[in-house]
């Protein structure tokens, strides 16, 4: 359940951890304390073998309207709030298991920053998206800029960053900012069903793919060989092939704790 005041809450069910952003008085804007809380929270979930998938969402009808600007004003020009936001974004991007942002309403500023750091983004119709540092004279972090460019391409990234204008769900889908747009009342079920799909697949395949996709360059031979050795030891490949030939669902056994 989401908290009544500013904060992050976690629920775990059937292998899926749901992290909910809640700051009802400010459309779920992230306070500095919330940014600072997120990395440790993610570390705990990453270490939990019961967690196979992470879903990030917002309480109520808003995903996250950005960073709580009062925190920036209180910082008196300090870069600490922005540094905390970047650290939280990097922790989310580095989370070793599949991550899905379930988006309703406004996904703006720091909220969009967090959504982009997830592996996948599913949005309800009527959602609105924006990257808004140009409204505040903030220099968007290089890593955040690069991640946005990689996702949407340079033209859309520049449009969002230069203008700070909001775009609708149709344009977000067309430009690759989101992966699926669904009727509002179907979003939760679709995310649950997709999490079930992710949990049924090989964690070894997912972990290797996530590592390779995170690199701007081709993986070096050492890392490729590392994952090939783990695949050979895991038995997942043999199980996947056998299940395919026997026309049954595979039962993969590799976990991040495996050799």
Protein backbone atom coordinates (compact mmCIF):
# COMPACT_ATOMS: atom_id res chain seq x y z
CA UNK A 1 0.00 0.00 0.00
CA UNK A 2 1.16 3.56 -0.72
CA UNK A 3 2.00 5.83 2.18
CA UNK A 4 -0.29 8.77 3.06
CA UNK A 5 2.55 11.32 3.02
CA UNK A 6 5.68 11.68 0.91
CA UNK A 7 7.47 8.36 0.61
CA UNK A 8 8.09 5.13 -1.23
CA UNK A 9 6.30 1.90 -0.39
CA UNK A 10 6.93 -1.69 -1.46
CA UNK A 11 4.67 -4.69 -1.84
CA UNK A 12 5.76 -8.14 -3.04
CA UNK A 13 3.37 -10.70 -4.51
CA UNK A 14 4.00 -13.71 -6.74
CA UNK A 15 7.59 -12.73 -7.44
CA UNK A 16 6.81 -9.14 -8.41
CA UNK A 17 7.92 -6.23 -6.23
CA UNK A 18 5.86 -3.08 -6.73
CA UNK A 19 7.45 0.20 -5.65
CA UNK A 20 4.90 2.99 -5.34
CA UNK A 21 5.79 6.68 -5.40
CA UNK A 22 3.51 8.64 -3.09
CA UNK A 23 3.41 12.37 -2.41
CA UNK A 24 -0.29 13.16 -2.78
CA UNK A 25 -0.02 16.86 -2.00
CA UNK A 26 2.38 17.37 -4.93
CA UNK A 27 1.26 14.87 -7.60
CA UNK A 28 3.77 12.32 -6.35
CA UNK A 29 6.76 14.62 -6.83
CA UNK A 30 9.99 13.10 -5.48
CA UNK A 31 11.43 14.80 -2.41
CA UNK A 32 15.17 14.73 -1.78
CA UNK A 33 14.57 12.16 0.96
CA UNK A 34 12.70 9.93 -1.49
CA UNK A 35 15.51 10.17 -4.06
CA UNK A 36 18.00 9.26 -1.34
CA UNK A 37 15.86 6.35 -0.13
CA UNK A 38 15.48 4.64 -3.50
CA UNK A 39 18.98 3.14 -4.04
CA UNK A 40 19.02 1.27 -0.71
CA UNK A 41 15.46 0.10 -1.27
CA UNK A 42 16.45 -1.28 -4.68
CA UNK A 43 19.54 -2.97 -3.24
CA UNK A 44 17.31 -4.87 -0.82
CA UNK A 45 14.94 -5.99 -3.55
CA UNK A 46 17.82 -7.01 -5.83
CA UNK A 47 19.18 -9.26 -3.08
CA UNK A 48 15.80 -10.90 -2.44
CA UNK A 49 15.63 -14.20 -4.39
CA UNK A 50 11.84 -14.09 -4.20
CA UNK A 51 11.78 -10.96 -6.39
CA UNK A 52 11.90 -11.70 -10.11
CA UNK A 53 10.38 -8.50 -11.55
CA UNK A 54 10.13 -4.91 -10.32
CA UNK A 55 7.21 -2.60 -11.16
CA UNK A 56 7.49 1.14 -10.49
CA UNK A 57 4.27 3.11 -10.30
CA UNK A 58 2.64 6.12 -8.68
CA UNK A 59 -0.12 6.31 -6.12
CA UNK A 60 -3.54 7.28 -7.43
CA UNK A 61 -3.93 8.79 -10.88
CA UNK A 62 -0.41 10.27 -11.28
CA UNK A 63 2.88 8.49 -11.89
CA UNK A 64 5.24 11.26 -10.77
CA UNK A 65 5.16 14.98 -11.52
CA UNK A 66 8.92 15.36 -11.09
CA UNK A 67 11.18 16.52 -8.32
CA UNK A 68 9.66 18.45 -5.45
CA UNK A 69 10.79 21.97 -6.37
CA UNK A 70 10.57 23.15 -2.76
CA UNK A 71 13.53 20.87 -2.10
CA UNK A 72 15.55 22.64 -4.77
CA UNK A 73 14.67 26.03 -3.31
CA UNK A 74 15.61 24.88 0.19
CA UNK A 75 18.96 23.63 -1.13
CA UNK A 76 19.93 27.22 -1.99
CA UNK A 77 21.59 26.37 -5.29
CA UNK A 78 23.28 23.21 -4.03
CA UNK A 79 23.63 20.36 -6.51
CA UNK A 80 22.80 17.80 -3.80
CA UNK A 81 19.13 17.23 -4.82
CA UNK A 82 20.08 16.71 -8.47
CA UNK A 83 22.93 14.40 -7.48
CA UNK A 84 20.52 12.36 -5.37
CA UNK A 85 18.13 12.12 -8.33
CA UNK A 86 20.88 10.93 -10.67
CA UNK A 87 22.07 8.37 -8.11
CA UNK A 88 18.53 7.02 -7.79
CA UNK A 89 18.13 6.87 -11.57
CA UNK A 90 21.42 5.01 -11.95
CA UNK A 91 20.44 2.54 -9.23
CA UNK A 92 17.17 1.83 -11.03
CA UNK A 93 18.88 1.42 -14.40
CA UNK A 94 21.38 -0.99 -12.82
CA UNK A 95 18.73 -3.11 -11.09
CA UNK A 96 19.67 -6.65 -12.18
CA UNK A 97 16.14 -7.92 -12.84
CA UNK A 98 13.51 -6.75 -15.35
CA UNK A 99 11.85 -3.44 -14.45
CA UNK A 100 8.55 -2.06 -15.74
CA UNK A 101 7.12 1.43 -15.22
CA UNK A 102 3.31 1.42 -14.95
CA UNK A 103 2.33 4.98 -15.81
CA UNK A 104 -0.88 6.93 -15.27
CA UNK A 105 -1.37 10.66 -15.61
CA UNK A 106 1.66 12.93 -15.43
CA UNK A 107 5.11 11.44 -15.96
CA UNK A 108 7.18 14.59 -15.94
CA UNK A 109 10.69 15.75 -15.04
CA UNK A 110 12.17 13.42 -12.45
CA UNK A 111 9.23 11.09 -13.00
CA UNK A 112 10.12 10.72 -16.66
CA UNK A 113 13.76 10.32 -15.62
CA UNK A 114 12.78 7.30 -13.49
CA UNK A 115 10.50 5.85 -16.16
CA UNK A 116 13.25 6.04 -18.77
CA UNK A 117 15.59 4.22 -16.37
CA UNK A 118 13.19 1.25 -16.33
CA UNK A 119 13.54 -1.48 -18.92
CA UNK A 120 9.98 -1.09 -20.20
CA UNK A 121 7.15 1.43 -19.88
CA UNK A 122 3.41 0.70 -20.08
CA UNK A 123 1.10 3.72 -19.97
CA UNK A 124 -2.59 4.40 -19.56
CA UNK A 125 -4.32 6.46 -22.21
CA UNK A 126 -4.33 10.12 -21.31
CA UNK A 127 -0.87 10.01 -19.75
CA UNK A 128 1.38 13.02 -20.37
CA UNK A 129 5.16 13.07 -20.57
CA UNK A 130 7.80 15.76 -20.32
CA UNK A 131 11.47 16.36 -19.53
CA UNK A 132 11.50 19.79 -17.97
CA UNK A 133 14.94 21.01 -16.76
CA UNK A 134 14.80 23.88 -19.29
CA UNK A 135 11.96 25.40 -17.25
CA UNK A 136 14.31 25.68 -14.27
CA UNK A 137 17.69 26.33 -15.85
CA UNK A 138 18.97 22.94 -14.69
CA UNK A 139 21.67 21.11 -16.64
CA UNK A 140 20.33 17.63 -17.30
CA UNK A 141 22.90 15.02 -16.32
CA UNK A 142 24.95 13.48 -19.17
CA UNK A 143 23.88 9.96 -18.21
CA UNK A 144 20.20 10.95 -18.13
CA UNK A 145 20.52 12.72 -21.49
CA UNK A 146 22.25 9.73 -23.07
CA UNK A 147 19.63 7.32 -21.76
CA UNK A 148 16.83 9.47 -23.20
CA UNK A 149 18.61 9.74 -26.58
CA UNK A 150 19.16 5.97 -26.68
CA UNK A 151 15.46 5.40 -26.04
CA UNK A 152 13.79 7.97 -28.28
CA UNK A 153 16.51 9.05 -30.73
CA UNK A 154 18.22 12.45 -30.77
CA UNK A 155 15.40 14.41 -32.44
CA UNK A 156 12.75 13.56 -29.86
CA UNK A 157 15.23 13.88 -26.99
CA UNK A 158 16.16 17.38 -28.16
CA UNK A 159 12.50 18.32 -28.59
CA UNK A 160 11.77 17.29 -25.02
CA UNK A 161 14.90 18.81 -23.49
CA UNK A 162 14.95 22.06 -25.47
CA UNK A 163 11.26 22.88 -25.12
CA UNK A 164 10.21 21.27 -21.82
CA UNK A 165 6.84 20.79 -23.54
CA UNK A 166 4.59 17.89 -22.60
CA UNK A 167 3.66 15.24 -25.16
CA UNK A 168 0.66 12.93 -25.16
CA UNK A 169 0.55 9.15 -24.99
CA UNK A 170 0.25 8.72 -28.77
CA UNK A 171 3.42 10.66 -29.46
CA UNK A 172 5.19 8.90 -26.59
CA UNK A 173 4.32 5.55 -28.17
CA UNK A 174 5.27 6.65 -31.67
CA UNK A 175 8.68 7.93 -30.57
CA UNK A 176 9.54 4.92 -28.41
CA UNK A 177 9.24 6.67 -25.07
CA UNK A 178 6.68 4.05 -24.04
CA UNK A 179 6.21 0.46 -25.18
CA UNK A 180 2.44 0.09 -24.85
CA UNK A 181 -0.56 2.37 -24.31
CA UNK A 182 -3.67 0.82 -22.80
CA UNK A 183 -7.11 1.86 -21.59
CA UNK A 184 -6.76 3.11 -18.02
CA UNK A 185 -8.80 0.26 -16.57
CA UNK A 186 -6.66 -2.36 -18.33
CA UNK A 187 -3.23 -1.11 -17.30
CA UNK A 188 -2.87 -2.98 -14.00
CA UNK A 189 -3.97 -6.31 -15.47
CA UNK A 190 -1.66 -5.95 -18.46
CA UNK A 191 1.30 -5.19 -16.19
CA UNK A 192 0.47 -8.18 -13.96
CA UNK A 193 0.11 -10.48 -16.96
CA UNK A 194 3.35 -9.25 -18.48
CA UNK A 195 5.15 -9.72 -15.16
CA UNK A 196 3.90 -13.33 -15.25
CA UNK A 197 5.46 -13.71 -18.71
CA UNK A 198 8.78 -12.30 -17.51
CA UNK A 199 8.82 -14.61 -14.49
CA UNK A 200 8.31 -17.63 -16.75
CA UNK A 201 11.40 -16.87 -18.84
CA UNK A 202 15.05 -17.65 -18.21
CA UNK A 203 16.60 -15.33 -15.65
CA UNK A 204 20.00 -16.13 -17.17
CA UNK A 205 18.90 -14.86 -20.59
CA UNK A 206 17.41 -11.75 -19.01
CA UNK A 207 20.50 -10.99 -16.90
CA UNK A 208 22.91 -11.35 -19.82
CA UNK A 209 20.70 -9.34 -22.16
CA UNK A 210 20.33 -6.56 -19.59
CA UNK A 211 24.10 -6.33 -19.14
CA UNK A 212 24.78 -6.30 -22.89
CA UNK A 213 22.02 -3.76 -23.61
CA UNK A 214 23.36 -1.38 -20.96
CA UNK A 215 26.66 -0.98 -22.77
CA UNK A 216 27.01 1.50 -25.62
CA UNK A 217 29.70 -0.75 -27.08
CA UNK A 218 29.65 -4.39 -28.05
CA UNK A 219 30.42 -6.60 -25.03
CA UNK A 220 34.02 -7.68 -24.86
CA UNK A 221 34.94 -11.31 -25.44
CA UNK A 222 35.55 -11.85 -21.73
CA UNK A 223 31.96 -10.96 -20.75
CA UNK A 224 30.46 -12.91 -23.63
CA UNK A 225 32.51 -15.95 -22.63
CA UNK A 226 31.49 -15.46 -18.99
CA UNK A 227 27.82 -15.71 -19.86
CA UNK A 228 28.37 -18.65 -22.22
CA UNK A 229 30.06 -20.56 -19.38
CA UNK A 230 27.20 -19.77 -17.03
CA UNK A 231 24.70 -20.91 -19.65
CA UNK A 232 26.56 -24.21 -20.07
CA UNK A 233 26.56 -24.80 -16.31
CA UNK A 234 22.98 -23.69 -15.72
CA UNK A 235 21.08 -26.30 -17.69
CA UNK A 236 18.66 -23.61 -18.86
CA UNK A 237 19.48 -24.12 -22.52
CA UNK A 238 18.95 -27.88 -22.33
CA UNK A 239 15.69 -27.34 -20.45
CA UNK A 240 14.46 -24.76 -22.93
CA UNK A 241 15.18 -26.98 -25.93
CA UNK A 242 13.63 -30.04 -24.24
CA UNK A 243 10.50 -28.10 -23.31
CA UNK A 244 10.16 -26.82 -26.86
CA UNK A 245 10.47 -30.31 -28.34
CA UNK A 246 8.07 -31.76 -25.77
CA UNK A 247 5.62 -28.90 -26.25
CA UNK A 248 5.51 -27.95 -22.58
CA UNK A 249 6.39 -24.93 -20.53
CA UNK A 250 10.07 -24.83 -19.50
CA UNK A 251 11.16 -24.89 -15.88
CA UNK A 252 14.29 -22.76 -15.72
CA UNK A 253 16.42 -23.12 -12.60
CA UNK A 254 19.24 -20.57 -12.95
CA UNK A 255 19.17 -17.71 -10.47
CA UNK A 256 21.60 -14.82 -9.96
CA UNK A 257 23.00 -16.78 -7.01
CA UNK A 258 23.89 -19.76 -9.27
CA UNK A 259 27.52 -20.45 -10.26
